[in-house]
Amino acid sequence: QDAYLARVPLARAGTPLDAAEVVRWLALDAHYITGEVLRLDGGRWLA
């Protein structure tokens, strides 16, 4: 796990709460989003 976290810019593993916050954010009426892929990986895809 340490080797994986060394490659994650936020330096921590995601939690179920992280995913729940994204779902809550998307459920708000104020957002106008279609066809988007949201990566919940702590920025790893950038590294």
N, C-alpha and C. Protein backbone atom coordinates (compact mmCIF):
# COMPACT_ATOMS: atom_id res chain seq x y z
N GLN A 1 0.81 -1.18 0.00
CA GLN A 1 0.00 0.00 0.00
C GLN A 1 0.87 1.26 0.00
N ASP A 2 1.98 1.24 0.68
CA ASP A 2 2.85 2.41 0.70
C ASP A 2 3.36 2.76 -0.70
N ALA A 3 3.67 1.74 -1.50
CA ALA A 3 4.14 1.98 -2.87
C ALA A 3 3.05 2.64 -3.71
N TYR A 4 1.81 2.20 -3.53
CA TYR A 4 0.69 2.81 -4.26
C TYR A 4 0.50 4.26 -3.82
N LEU A 5 0.46 4.48 -2.52
CA LEU A 5 0.22 5.83 -2.02
C LEU A 5 1.34 6.79 -2.39
N ALA A 6 2.53 6.28 -2.61
CA ALA A 6 3.64 7.13 -3.05
C ALA A 6 3.38 7.71 -4.43
N ARG A 7 2.51 7.08 -5.22
CA ARG A 7 2.18 7.55 -6.56
C ARG A 7 0.90 8.38 -6.60
N VAL A 8 0.28 8.60 -5.45
CA VAL A 8 -0.97 9.37 -5.38
C VAL A 8 -0.65 10.76 -4.82
N PRO A 9 -0.89 11.82 -5.60
CA PRO A 9 -0.56 13.16 -5.14
C PRO A 9 -1.21 13.55 -3.81
N LEU A 10 -2.40 13.09 -3.52
CA LEU A 10 -3.04 13.43 -2.24
C LEU A 10 -2.53 12.56 -1.10
N ALA A 11 -1.73 11.55 -1.41
CA ALA A 11 -1.03 10.71 -0.43
C ALA A 11 -1.95 9.99 0.56
N ARG A 12 -3.14 9.64 0.10
CA ARG A 12 -4.03 8.84 0.95
C ARG A 12 -4.97 8.05 0.05
N ALA A 13 -5.48 6.96 0.58
CA ALA A 13 -6.45 6.16 -0.15
C ALA A 13 -7.82 6.83 -0.05
N GLY A 14 -8.61 6.66 -1.09
CA GLY A 14 -9.96 7.19 -1.07
C GLY A 14 -10.84 6.39 -0.12
N THR A 15 -11.91 7.01 0.32
CA THR A 15 -12.84 6.37 1.24
C THR A 15 -14.23 6.34 0.63
N PRO A 16 -15.12 5.53 1.18
CA PRO A 16 -16.51 5.57 0.71
C PRO A 16 -17.12 6.97 0.84
N LEU A 17 -16.70 7.72 1.85
CA LEU A 17 -17.21 9.09 2.00
C LEU A 17 -16.78 9.97 0.83
N ASP A 18 -15.59 9.78 0.31
CA ASP A 18 -15.14 10.53 -0.87
C ASP A 18 -16.09 10.30 -2.04
N ALA A 19 -16.45 9.04 -2.28
CA ALA A 19 -17.37 8.71 -3.37
C ALA A 19 -18.76 9.27 -3.09
N ALA A 20 -19.22 9.18 -1.85
CA ALA A 20 -20.54 9.69 -1.49
C ALA A 20 -20.63 11.19 -1.71
N GLU A 21 -19.55 11.91 -1.42
CA GLU A 21 -19.55 13.36 -1.63
C GLU A 21 -19.69 13.71 -3.11
N VAL A 22 -19.08 12.93 -3.99
CA VAL A 22 -19.23 13.17 -5.42
C VAL A 22 -20.66 12.91 -5.86
N VAL A 23 -21.25 11.83 -5.38
CA VAL A 23 -22.65 11.52 -5.71
C VAL A 23 -23.56 12.65 -5.22
N ARG A 24 -23.34 13.12 -4.01
CA ARG A 24 -24.14 14.22 -3.47
C ARG A 24 -23.99 15.47 -4.33
N TRP A 25 -22.76 15.77 -4.71
CA TRP A 25 -22.49 16.96 -5.54
C TRP A 25 -23.21 16.86 -6.88
N LEU A 26 -23.17 15.68 -7.49
CA LEU A 26 -23.83 15.49 -8.79
C LEU A 26 -25.35 15.54 -8.68
N ALA A 27 -25.89 15.20 -7.51
CA ALA A 27 -27.33 15.19 -7.33
C ALA A 27 -27.92 16.59 -7.15
N LEU A 28 -27.11 17.58 -6.90
CA LEU A 28 -27.61 18.94 -6.73
C LEU A 28 -28.20 19.46 -8.04
N ASP A 29 -29.27 20.20 -7.95
CA ASP A 29 -29.94 20.74 -9.14
C ASP A 29 -29.10 21.77 -9.88
N ALA A 30 -28.13 22.36 -9.21
CA ALA A 30 -27.37 23.46 -9.80
C ALA A 30 -26.33 23.01 -10.83
N HIS A 31 -26.16 21.72 -11.02
CA HIS A 31 -25.09 21.25 -11.91
C HIS A 31 -25.63 20.83 -13.27
N TYR A 32 -24.91 21.16 -14.28
CA TYR A 32 -25.27 20.89 -15.66
C TYR A 32 -24.14 20.10 -16.28
N ILE A 33 -24.14 18.80 -16.03
CA ILE A 33 -23.03 17.94 -16.47
C ILE A 33 -23.60 16.77 -17.25
N THR A 34 -23.00 16.51 -18.41
CA THR A 34 -23.37 15.32 -19.18
C THR A 34 -22.11 14.69 -19.75
N GLY A 35 -22.08 13.38 -19.80
CA GLY A 35 -21.01 12.66 -20.46
C GLY A 35 -19.62 12.88 -19.90
N GLU A 36 -19.50 13.01 -18.63
CA GLU A 36 -18.21 13.26 -18.00
C GLU A 36 -17.75 12.05 -17.21
N VAL A 37 -16.45 11.81 -17.21
CA VAL A 37 -15.86 10.77 -16.37
C VAL A 37 -15.18 11.48 -15.21
N LEU A 38 -15.65 11.23 -14.01
CA LEU A 38 -15.04 11.82 -12.82
C LEU A 38 -14.12 10.80 -12.19
N ARG A 39 -12.87 11.14 -12.08
CA ARG A 39 -11.88 10.22 -11.51
C ARG A 39 -11.77 10.47 -10.01
N LEU A 40 -12.00 9.43 -9.24
CA LEU A 40 -11.88 9.52 -7.79
C LEU A 40 -10.62 8.78 -7.38
N ASP A 41 -9.49 9.32 -7.77
CA ASP A 41 -8.23 8.60 -7.56
C ASP A 41 -7.16 9.45 -6.87
N GLY A 42 -7.56 10.55 -6.27
CA GLY A 42 -6.60 11.38 -5.55
C GLY A 42 -5.56 12.04 -6.44
N GLY A 43 -5.84 12.13 -7.73
CA GLY A 43 -4.91 12.74 -8.67
C GLY A 43 -3.90 11.77 -9.26
N ARG A 44 -4.05 10.47 -9.01
CA ARG A 44 -3.07 9.50 -9.49
C ARG A 44 -2.92 9.53 -11.01
N TRP A 45 -4.01 9.74 -11.74
CA TRP A 45 -3.91 9.74 -13.20
C TRP A 45 -3.04 10.87 -13.71
N LEU A 46 -2.81 11.90 -12.91
CA LEU A 46 -1.91 12.99 -13.30
C LEU A 46 -0.45 12.63 -13.12
N ALA A 47 -0.19 11.76 -12.16
CA ALA A 47 1.19 11.44 -11.79
C ALA A 47 1.83 10.49 -12.79
